[in-house]
Amino acid sequence: MEKRRRIQRIREEKERIAFVRIIFAVLFGLGVFSFIQYDTATWPKILVGVSFLAHGCLHWIEAKRVGAFSDSRPARNLIRLRYAVDFALIGLIACFFPLLIWLELPLVPSFVGYFIGLLLFYLIDVYLERKVQTLDPLQPTKKELRSKIPVLKAR
């Protein structure tokens, strides 16, 4: 499948599940807020866990569908790994500040660790994207998916 067609299919897939992702993100945010406000209640913990798990399932499904476009098995595995790294980054970003408040961690070492974690995730993501491009040059990059490439009309 040519690159433009892959980009179109991936965009359609992302648009199709965007609303569901937004719902789970809002539920996750409400759960985190409730978790901080009502730290003795169990329902915020369950809401955070369920919404984060549901978002992870959607992320995994998207990774499998995007990986299915590639003919190379190692490229498919790296695409799934890249999505797993992206999901771990989402977890780091989403859980850092609530845990910082809840556990009353010291600020400076926590932020140093946070920024080191962000840098590490970024470098791993760049490395995996370049590796996927060497294995499957037709696989679109994140930059190509965000750019305004003309979309093919359905026939």
N, C-alpha and C. Protein backbone atom coordinates (compact mmCIF):
# COMPACT_ATOMS: atom_id res chain seq x y z
N MET A 1 0.85 -1.16 0.00
CA MET A 1 0.00 0.00 0.00
C MET A 1 0.91 1.24 0.00
N GLU A 2 0.57 2.20 -0.83
CA GLU A 2 1.42 3.39 -0.91
C GLU A 2 1.26 4.26 0.32
N LYS A 3 2.22 5.14 0.49
CA LYS A 3 2.31 5.93 1.71
C LYS A 3 1.10 6.85 1.92
N ARG A 4 0.64 7.51 0.87
CA ARG A 4 -0.52 8.41 1.01
C ARG A 4 -1.76 7.66 1.44
N ARG A 5 -1.96 6.47 0.91
CA ARG A 5 -3.12 5.66 1.29
C ARG A 5 -3.01 5.24 2.76
N ARG A 6 -1.79 4.90 3.20
CA ARG A 6 -1.60 4.54 4.61
C ARG A 6 -1.91 5.73 5.52
N ILE A 7 -1.45 6.90 5.12
CA ILE A 7 -1.71 8.09 5.92
C ILE A 7 -3.21 8.34 6.03
N GLN A 8 -3.90 8.20 4.93
CA GLN A 8 -5.34 8.41 4.93
C GLN A 8 -6.05 7.40 5.85
N ARG A 9 -5.67 6.15 5.75
CA ARG A 9 -6.31 5.11 6.57
C ARG A 9 -6.02 5.32 8.06
N ILE A 10 -4.78 5.70 8.38
CA ILE A 10 -4.44 5.93 9.79
C ILE A 10 -5.20 7.13 10.33
N ARG A 11 -5.31 8.20 9.55
CA ARG A 11 -6.08 9.37 9.98
C ARG A 11 -7.55 9.02 10.19
N GLU A 12 -8.12 8.23 9.28
CA GLU A 12 -9.52 7.82 9.44
C GLU A 12 -9.70 7.02 10.72
N GLU A 13 -8.75 6.13 11.00
CA GLU A 13 -8.82 5.32 12.22
C GLU A 13 -8.75 6.20 13.46
N LYS A 14 -7.85 7.17 13.45
CA LYS A 14 -7.71 8.07 14.60
C LYS A 14 -8.97 8.92 14.79
N GLU A 15 -9.56 9.38 13.71
CA GLU A 15 -10.78 10.18 13.80
C GLU A 15 -11.94 9.35 14.33
N ARG A 16 -11.96 8.09 13.96
CA ARG A 16 -13.06 7.21 14.36
C ARG A 16 -13.08 6.97 15.87
N ILE A 17 -11.90 6.85 16.49
CA ILE A 17 -11.86 6.56 17.92
C ILE A 17 -11.53 7.78 18.78
N ALA A 18 -11.44 8.95 18.18
CA ALA A 18 -11.06 10.16 18.92
C ALA A 18 -12.08 10.49 20.01
N PHE A 19 -13.36 10.39 19.71
CA PHE A 19 -14.39 10.74 20.68
C PHE A 19 -14.33 9.82 21.90
N VAL A 20 -14.13 8.54 21.67
CA VAL A 20 -14.05 7.58 22.77
C VAL A 20 -12.82 7.87 23.64
N ARG A 21 -11.71 8.21 22.98
CA ARG A 21 -10.50 8.57 23.73
C ARG A 21 -10.72 9.80 24.58
N ILE A 22 -11.42 10.78 24.04
CA ILE A 22 -11.69 12.01 24.80
C ILE A 22 -12.55 11.69 26.03
N ILE A 23 -13.53 10.83 25.85
CA ILE A 23 -14.38 10.44 26.99
C ILE A 23 -13.54 9.80 28.08
N PHE A 24 -12.67 8.86 27.72
CA PHE A 24 -11.85 8.19 28.73
C PHE A 24 -10.83 9.15 29.34
N ALA A 25 -10.34 10.12 28.57
CA ALA A 25 -9.42 11.11 29.12
C ALA A 25 -10.13 12.01 30.14
N VAL A 26 -11.35 12.39 29.84
CA VAL A 26 -12.12 13.21 30.78
C VAL A 26 -12.42 12.40 32.04
N LEU A 27 -12.80 11.14 31.89
CA LEU A 27 -13.04 10.29 33.06
C LEU A 27 -11.77 10.13 33.89
N PHE A 28 -10.64 9.98 33.20
CA PHE A 28 -9.37 9.87 33.90
C PHE A 28 -9.07 11.15 34.68
N GLY A 29 -9.28 12.29 34.05
CA GLY A 29 -9.04 13.56 34.73
C GLY A 29 -9.94 13.75 35.94
N LEU A 30 -11.22 13.40 35.78
CA LEU A 30 -12.14 13.49 36.92
C LEU A 30 -11.72 12.52 38.03
N GLY A 31 -11.26 11.35 37.62
CA GLY A 31 -10.80 10.38 38.61
C GLY A 31 -9.58 10.86 39.36
N VAL A 32 -8.63 11.47 38.65
CA VAL A 32 -7.42 12.00 39.31
C VAL A 32 -7.79 13.13 40.25
N PHE A 33 -8.65 14.03 39.80
CA PHE A 33 -9.10 15.12 40.66
C PHE A 33 -9.78 14.58 41.92
N SER A 34 -10.67 13.61 41.73
CA SER A 34 -11.38 13.02 42.87
C SER A 34 -10.42 12.25 43.78
N PHE A 35 -9.42 11.63 43.18
CA PHE A 35 -8.43 10.88 43.93
C PHE A 35 -7.65 11.80 44.87
N ILE A 36 -7.33 13.00 44.38
CA ILE A 36 -6.60 13.96 45.21
C ILE A 36 -7.53 14.55 46.29
N GLN A 37 -8.78 14.83 45.92
CA GLN A 37 -9.71 15.44 46.86
C GLN A 37 -10.20 14.46 47.93
N TYR A 38 -10.51 13.24 47.50
CA TYR A 38 -11.07 12.24 48.42
C TYR A 38 -10.12 11.05 48.47
N ASP A 39 -8.98 11.22 49.13
CA ASP A 39 -7.95 10.19 49.08
C ASP A 39 -8.32 8.92 49.83
N THR A 40 -9.34 8.95 50.67
CA THR A 40 -9.73 7.74 51.38
C THR A 40 -10.78 6.92 50.62
N ALA A 41 -11.46 7.52 49.66
CA ALA A 41 -12.49 6.82 48.90
C ALA A 41 -11.85 5.88 47.88
N THR A 42 -12.50 4.78 47.62
CA THR A 42 -11.96 3.81 46.66
C THR A 42 -12.45 4.06 45.24
N TRP A 43 -13.59 4.72 45.07
CA TRP A 43 -14.14 4.88 43.72
C TRP A 43 -13.25 5.73 42.81
N PRO A 44 -12.53 6.76 43.30
CA PRO A 44 -11.65 7.48 42.37
C PRO A 44 -10.50 6.61 41.87
N LYS A 45 -10.00 5.74 42.73
CA LYS A 45 -8.92 4.84 42.32
C LYS A 45 -9.40 3.87 41.25
N ILE A 46 -10.61 3.38 41.41
CA ILE A 46 -11.18 2.47 40.42
C ILE A 46 -11.43 3.22 39.11
N LEU A 47 -11.95 4.44 39.18
CA LEU A 47 -12.20 5.23 37.98
C LEU A 47 -10.90 5.53 37.23
N VAL A 48 -9.85 5.89 37.96
CA VAL A 48 -8.56 6.16 37.33
C VAL A 48 -8.04 4.89 36.66
N GLY A 49 -8.09 3.78 37.37
CA GLY A 49 -7.58 2.53 36.82
C GLY A 49 -8.34 2.05 35.59
N VAL A 50 -9.66 2.09 35.67
CA VAL A 50 -10.47 1.62 34.55
C VAL A 50 -10.32 2.52 33.33
N SER A 51 -10.32 3.83 33.53
CA SER A 51 -10.20 4.73 32.38
C SER A 51 -8.80 4.66 31.77
N PHE A 52 -7.77 4.50 32.60
CA PHE A 52 -6.41 4.37 32.08
C PHE A 52 -6.26 3.05 31.33
N LEU A 53 -6.84 1.98 31.86
CA LEU A 53 -6.79 0.68 31.18
C LEU A 53 -7.56 0.72 29.87
N ALA A 54 -8.71 1.37 29.85
CA ALA A 54 -9.49 1.48 28.61
C ALA A 54 -8.74 2.29 27.57
N HIS A 55 -8.10 3.37 28.00
CA HIS A 55 -7.31 4.18 27.08
C HIS A 55 -6.13 3.36 26.55
N GLY A 56 -5.55 2.54 27.39
CA GLY A 56 -4.46 1.66 26.96
C GLY A 56 -4.93 0.63 25.94
N CYS A 57 -6.12 0.10 26.13
CA CYS A 57 -6.67 -0.86 25.16
C CYS A 57 -6.90 -0.19 23.81
N LEU A 58 -7.43 1.03 23.82
CA LEU A 58 -7.61 1.76 22.56
C LEU A 58 -6.26 2.04 21.89
N HIS A 59 -5.27 2.36 22.69
CA HIS A 59 -3.93 2.62 22.16
C HIS A 59 -3.36 1.35 21.54
N TRP A 60 -3.56 0.21 22.20
CA TRP A 60 -3.06 -1.06 21.69
C TRP A 60 -3.76 -1.46 20.39
N ILE A 61 -5.05 -1.26 20.32
CA ILE A 61 -5.80 -1.57 19.10
C ILE A 61 -5.30 -0.71 17.95
N GLU A 62 -5.09 0.58 18.22
CA GLU A 62 -4.56 1.46 17.18
C GLU A 62 -3.17 1.02 16.73
N ALA A 63 -2.35 0.58 17.68
CA ALA A 63 -1.00 0.12 17.33
C ALA A 63 -1.05 -1.12 16.44
N LYS A 64 -1.96 -2.03 16.73
CA LYS A 64 -2.09 -3.22 15.91
C LYS A 64 -2.57 -2.88 14.50
N ARG A 65 -3.52 -1.95 14.40
CA ARG A 65 -4.05 -1.59 13.09
C ARG A 65 -3.04 -0.82 12.26
N VAL A 66 -2.27 0.07 12.89
CA VAL A 66 -1.24 0.81 12.16
C VAL A 66 -0.12 -0.15 11.76
N GLY A 67 0.23 -1.06 12.64
CA GLY A 67 1.26 -2.04 12.33
C GLY A 67 0.86 -3.01 11.24
N ALA A 68 -0.43 -3.23 11.08
CA ALA A 68 -0.90 -4.17 10.06
C ALA A 68 -0.62 -3.67 8.64
N PHE A 69 -0.40 -2.38 8.47
CA PHE A 69 -0.10 -1.85 7.13
C PHE A 69 1.29 -2.25 6.66
N SER A 70 2.16 -2.58 7.59
CA SER A 70 3.54 -2.89 7.24
C SER A 70 3.66 -4.37 6.88
N ASP A 71 4.50 -4.64 5.87
CA ASP A 71 4.73 -6.02 5.47
C ASP A 71 5.85 -6.66 6.28
N SER A 72 6.67 -5.86 6.91
CA SER A 72 7.82 -6.34 7.66
C SER A 72 7.41 -6.65 9.10
N ARG A 73 7.66 -7.88 9.53
CA ARG A 73 7.32 -8.27 10.91
C ARG A 73 8.13 -7.48 11.94
N PRO A 74 9.44 -7.29 11.75
CA PRO A 74 10.17 -6.46 12.72
C PRO A 74 9.65 -5.02 12.78
N ALA A 75 9.22 -4.48 11.66
CA ALA A 75 8.66 -3.12 11.65
C ALA A 75 7.35 -3.09 12.44
N ARG A 76 6.52 -4.11 12.28
CA ARG A 76 5.27 -4.17 13.04
C ARG A 76 5.55 -4.22 14.55
N ASN A 77 6.54 -5.02 14.94
CA ASN A 77 6.88 -5.10 16.36
C ASN A 77 7.40 -3.77 16.90
N LEU A 78 8.20 -3.08 16.09
CA LEU A 78 8.72 -1.78 16.54
C LEU A 78 7.61 -0.74 16.59
N ILE A 79 6.65 -0.82 15.69
CA ILE A 79 5.50 0.11 15.73
C ILE A 79 4.72 -0.10 17.02
N ARG A 80 4.48 -1.36 17.38
CA ARG A 80 3.77 -1.64 18.63
C ARG A 80 4.57 -1.17 19.84
N LEU A 81 5.89 -1.37 19.78
CA LEU A 81 6.74 -0.91 20.87
C LEU A 81 6.72 0.62 20.98
N ARG A 82 6.71 1.28 19.83
CA ARG A 82 6.64 2.75 19.82
C ARG A 82 5.33 3.23 20.45
N TYR A 83 4.23 2.57 20.14
CA TYR A 83 2.95 2.93 20.76
C TYR A 83 2.97 2.63 22.26
N ALA A 84 3.63 1.56 22.67
CA ALA A 84 3.74 1.26 24.11
C ALA A 84 4.56 2.33 24.82
N VAL A 85 5.62 2.81 24.19
CA VAL A 85 6.42 3.89 24.77
C VAL A 85 5.58 5.16 24.85
N ASP A 86 4.81 5.45 23.82
CA ASP A 86 3.93 6.63 23.85
C ASP A 86 2.92 6.52 24.99
N PHE A 87 2.37 5.34 25.19
CA PHE A 87 1.39 5.15 26.26
C PHE A 87 2.05 5.29 27.63
N ALA A 88 3.27 4.80 27.77
CA ALA A 88 3.99 4.97 29.03
C ALA A 88 4.27 6.44 29.29
N LEU A 89 4.56 7.19 28.23
CA LEU A 89 4.77 8.63 28.37
C LEU A 89 3.48 9.31 28.83
N ILE A 90 2.35 8.90 28.28
CA ILE A 90 1.06 9.44 28.71
C ILE A 90 0.86 9.16 30.20
N GLY A 91 1.21 7.96 30.62
CA GLY A 91 1.09 7.61 32.05
C GLY A 91 2.00 8.46 32.92
N LEU A 92 3.22 8.70 32.46
CA LEU A 92 4.14 9.53 33.23
C LEU A 92 3.60 10.95 33.37
N ILE A 93 3.15 11.51 32.26
CA ILE A 93 2.64 12.88 32.29
C ILE A 93 1.37 12.98 33.13
N ALA A 94 0.48 12.01 33.00
CA ALA A 94 -0.81 12.07 33.69
C ALA A 94 -0.68 11.81 35.19
N CYS A 95 0.25 10.98 35.58
CA CYS A 95 0.31 10.58 36.99
C CYS A 95 1.37 11.32 37.80
N PHE A 96 2.24 12.07 37.16
CA PHE A 96 3.33 12.70 37.90
C PHE A 96 2.83 13.70 38.94
N PHE A 97 2.05 14.67 38.52
CA PHE A 97 1.62 15.72 39.44
C PHE A 97 0.69 15.21 40.53
N PRO A 98 -0.28 14.35 40.22
CA PRO A 98 -1.09 13.82 41.32
C PRO A 98 -0.26 13.03 42.34
N LEU A 99 0.70 12.25 41.85
CA LEU A 99 1.54 11.50 42.79
C LEU A 99 2.45 12.43 43.58
N LEU A 100 2.91 13.49 42.94
CA LEU A 100 3.74 14.48 43.62
C LEU A 100 2.97 15.11 44.78
N ILE A 101 1.70 15.41 44.55
CA ILE A 101 0.88 16.01 45.61
C ILE A 101 0.51 14.97 46.67
N TRP A 102 0.09 13.80 46.21
CA TRP A 102 -0.41 12.78 47.12
C TRP A 102 0.69 12.23 48.03
N LEU A 103 1.88 11.98 47.47
CA LEU A 103 2.98 11.41 48.26
C LEU A 103 3.84 12.48 48.92
N GLU A 104 3.56 13.75 48.63
CA GLU A 104 4.31 14.87 49.18
C GLU A 104 5.82 14.71 48.96
N LEU A 105 6.19 14.48 47.71
CA LEU A 105 7.59 14.29 47.35
C LEU A 105 8.31 15.64 47.28
N PRO A 106 9.63 15.64 47.47
CA PRO A 106 10.37 16.90 47.33
C PRO A 106 10.35 17.36 45.88
N LEU A 107 10.23 18.67 45.67
CA LEU A 107 10.00 19.20 44.33
C LEU A 107 11.20 19.06 43.39
N VAL A 108 12.36 19.53 43.80
CA VAL A 108 13.50 19.58 42.88
C VAL A 108 13.91 18.20 42.38
N PRO A 109 14.14 17.21 43.26
CA PRO A 109 14.51 15.88 42.72
C PRO A 109 13.40 15.27 41.87
N SER A 110 12.15 15.53 42.24
CA SER A 110 11.04 14.99 41.47
C SER A 110 11.01 15.57 40.06
N PHE A 111 11.18 16.88 39.94
CA PHE A 111 11.18 17.51 38.62
C PHE A 111 12.39 17.11 37.80
N VAL A 112 13.53 16.93 38.45
CA VAL A 112 14.72 16.46 37.72
C VAL A 112 14.44 15.06 37.15
N GLY A 113 13.88 14.19 37.96
CA GLY A 113 13.53 12.85 37.49
C GLY A 113 12.48 12.89 36.40
N TYR A 114 11.51 13.79 36.54
CA TYR A 114 10.45 13.94 35.55
C TYR A 114 11.03 14.36 34.20
N PHE A 115 11.90 15.36 34.19
CA PHE A 115 12.47 15.83 32.93
C PHE A 115 13.45 14.83 32.34
N ILE A 116 14.15 14.09 33.17
CA ILE A 116 14.99 13.01 32.66
C ILE A 116 14.13 11.93 32.01
N GLY A 117 13.00 11.62 32.66
CA GLY A 117 12.07 10.65 32.08
C GLY A 117 11.50 11.12 30.76
N LEU A 118 11.11 12.39 30.68
CA LEU A 118 10.60 12.94 29.42
C LEU A 118 11.64 12.87 28.31
N LEU A 119 12.88 13.24 28.64
CA LEU A 119 13.96 13.20 27.66
C LEU A 119 14.22 11.77 27.21
N LEU A 120 14.20 10.85 28.14
CA LEU A 120 14.43 9.44 27.81
C LEU A 120 13.33 8.92 26.87
N PHE A 121 12.08 9.22 27.19
CA PHE A 121 10.97 8.79 26.33
C PHE A 121 11.09 9.40 24.94
N TYR A 122 11.47 10.67 24.87
CA TYR A 122 11.61 11.34 23.57
C TYR A 122 12.71 10.67 22.74
N LEU A 123 13.85 10.40 23.35
CA LEU A 123 14.96 9.79 22.62
C LEU A 123 14.61 8.37 22.16
N ILE A 124 13.93 7.62 23.00
CA ILE A 124 13.50 6.27 22.60
C ILE A 124 12.52 6.36 21.44
N ASP A 125 11.59 7.30 21.50
CA ASP A 125 10.61 7.46 20.43
C ASP A 125 11.28 7.83 19.10
N VAL A 126 12.22 8.75 19.14
CA VAL A 126 12.94 9.15 17.92
C VAL A 126 13.72 7.96 17.36
N TYR A 127 14.38 7.22 18.23
CA TYR A 127 15.14 6.05 17.79
C TYR A 127 14.23 5.01 17.13
N LEU A 128 13.10 4.72 17.78
CA LEU A 128 12.19 3.71 17.22
C LEU A 128 11.59 4.17 15.90
N GLU A 129 11.27 5.45 15.79
CA GLU A 129 10.71 5.94 14.53
C GLU A 129 11.72 5.83 13.39
N ARG A 130 12.96 6.16 13.67
CA ARG A 130 14.01 6.02 12.64
C ARG A 130 14.24 4.56 12.28
N LYS A 131 14.19 3.70 13.26
CA LYS A 131 14.38 2.27 13.00
C LYS A 131 13.24 1.71 12.14
N VAL A 132 12.01 2.14 12.42
CA VAL A 132 10.86 1.72 11.61
C VAL A 132 11.03 2.22 10.18
N GLN A 133 11.51 3.44 10.00
CA GLN A 133 11.70 3.99 8.66
C GLN A 133 12.75 3.22 7.87
N THR A 134 13.76 2.68 8.54
CA THR A 134 14.75 1.88 7.82
C THR A 134 14.18 0.52 7.44
N LEU A 135 13.31 -0.03 8.29
CA LEU A 135 12.73 -1.34 8.00
C LEU A 135 11.59 -1.25 6.99
N ASP A 136 10.80 -0.18 7.06
CA ASP A 136 9.65 -0.01 6.16
C ASP A 136 9.55 1.46 5.76
N PRO A 137 10.17 1.83 4.64
CA PRO A 137 10.17 3.25 4.23
C PRO A 137 8.78 3.79 3.90
N LEU A 138 7.81 2.92 3.63
CA LEU A 138 6.46 3.38 3.31
C LEU A 138 5.62 3.69 4.55
N GLN A 139 6.12 3.33 5.72
CA GLN A 139 5.37 3.60 6.94
C GLN A 139 5.47 5.09 7.27
N PRO A 140 4.34 5.79 7.43
CA PRO A 140 4.38 7.23 7.70
C PRO A 140 4.92 7.53 9.09
N THR A 141 5.62 8.64 9.19
CA THR A 141 6.13 9.09 10.49
C THR A 141 5.05 9.91 11.18
N LYS A 142 5.29 10.24 12.45
CA LYS A 142 4.33 11.07 13.18
C LYS A 142 4.21 12.45 12.55
N LYS A 143 5.33 12.97 12.07
CA LYS A 143 5.31 14.29 11.43
C LYS A 143 4.47 14.25 10.16
N GLU A 144 4.59 13.19 9.39
CA GLU A 144 3.79 13.07 8.16
C GLU A 144 2.31 12.90 8.48
N LEU A 145 1.99 12.25 9.58
CA LEU A 145 0.59 12.09 9.96
C LEU A 145 -0.02 13.42 10.41
N ARG A 146 0.79 14.30 10.99
CA ARG A 146 0.29 15.60 11.44
C ARG A 146 0.27 16.64 10.33
N SER A 147 1.05 16.44 9.28
CA SER A 147 1.13 17.45 8.22
C SER A 147 -0.13 17.45 7.37
N LYS A 148 -0.27 18.48 6.56
CA LYS A 148 -1.46 18.64 5.73
C LYS A 148 -1.23 18.08 4.32
N ILE A 149 -1.03 16.79 4.25
CA ILE A 149 -0.87 16.12 2.96
C ILE A 149 -2.26 15.94 2.35
N PRO A 150 -2.41 16.20 1.08
CA PRO A 150 -3.73 16.02 0.45
C PRO A 150 -4.24 14.59 0.64
N VAL A 151 -5.48 14.48 1.02
CA VAL A 151 -6.09 13.18 1.27
C VAL A 151 -6.73 12.70 -0.03
N LEU A 152 -6.59 11.40 -0.28
CA LEU A 152 -7.18 10.82 -1.49
C LEU A 152 -8.68 10.73 -1.34
N LYS A 153 -9.38 10.94 -2.40
CA LYS A 153 -10.84 10.82 -2.41
C LYS A 153 -11.23 9.36 -2.49
N ALA A 154 -12.30 8.99 -1.82
CA ALA A 154 -12.82 7.62 -1.88
C ALA A 154 -13.44 7.39 -3.26
N ARG A 155 -13.19 6.23 -3.77
CA ARG A 155 -13.74 5.93 -5.11
C ARG A 155 -14.94 5.06 -5.03
